[in-house]
Amino acid sequence: MKIALLLCSLAGLVPVLRAQTPPPVLPLYSGSIPNSKPSSVQEATTLDGSNPHITNVVQPTLTVFLPDRAKATGTSVIVCPGGGYSFVSMGNEGYDVAKRLTEMGVAAFVLKYRLPNAQSQPDPSLAPLLDVQQALRLVREQAPRYGLNPDRIGVMGFSAGGHLAAMAATRFARPVGVNPGAASVRPAFAVLVYPVISFRDSLSRSGDTREHLLGPTPAVGSVRQFSAEYQVTAQTPPIFLVHAQDDATVSVQQSILFYQACLRHRVPVEMHLYPKGGHGFGLTNASTKEPWIERMQAWLAGFN
């Protein structure tokens, strides 16, 4: 009788143990990491409440979140957390978002991308863009393994991660790096949440992010090259924008600027602006009862 009860108890624990199994993590590069050099830089993780912040990334990765097969739509998203290019906010703008996406039937790959660092990178400004473009290659390559549609791989980014996602959505025609290969790095769509878009002097609130990526005195050409509104073309994929008017960290004008650039080039674009919400709200803007991600879900279902 005791044995039977013990077996029943263990059987009841199996679903719990499975639920607690950590998601798989893929190294972004199978061999040497491009635009890297030997250094003493070591990755570190700190906690902001329960939200892990990762700094000094030297080994970029993708953390894989897959939906139940019964729900799977074949669509996937590479999620780029924010952090001003000084850290990667993996919790509220990474893992939490990925879990919500899987509930919608969307596979999510949370990108731990390298942050600009002159000690470990010959060209710090290119390291994040190299990583997001490699992430698009890798997910496209792994699409059959995960049952994904290789033509429905998008990017999503928050704050500085929004800048990185906007770069991915506008600078795919000429991938960065040495001998990048013929594989497409064009995302099928981009979701940009309170994103940094432009490094123009007039939008000075993004000054810290600009300095972290381009240094304290960037050349005019670099500022333009890394300001996404200048990079929009008719080939830019559909865009979904979310921002709060009272954002004191990244001006709402950033999203408006990108929206206008998309209109000029006839790129399909949808924008949701909230009067309140501030910066860094992740999935939940507490000032509204209407979750932006549900609007995004309807938007995704509306185009092919």
Foldseek 3Di string as FASTA:
>chain_A
DVVVVVVVVVVVCVVVVVVPDFFDKAFLDPDDDPQWDDFPFDWDWDDPPPWIKIARDDTKIWGKDAADPVQAPQAEEEFFADDLLGIGRCPLRNPVVQVVVSVNNYIYIYIPFGRQDVRTGVQSLCRRLLRLLSVLVVCLVCSVVRVHDNLRYAYEYFAQGLLSSLCLLQVFVDRDDDCPDDDGSHHQEYEHELYQAAPDVVQCLSVSSCCRNQNDDHDPVVRLNSRSLNRDALSRHEYEYEEECPAPRGHPVSVVSNVVSCVVRVHHYHYDYHPDQYGDPRQDRPVDPDTVVVVVSVVSVPDD
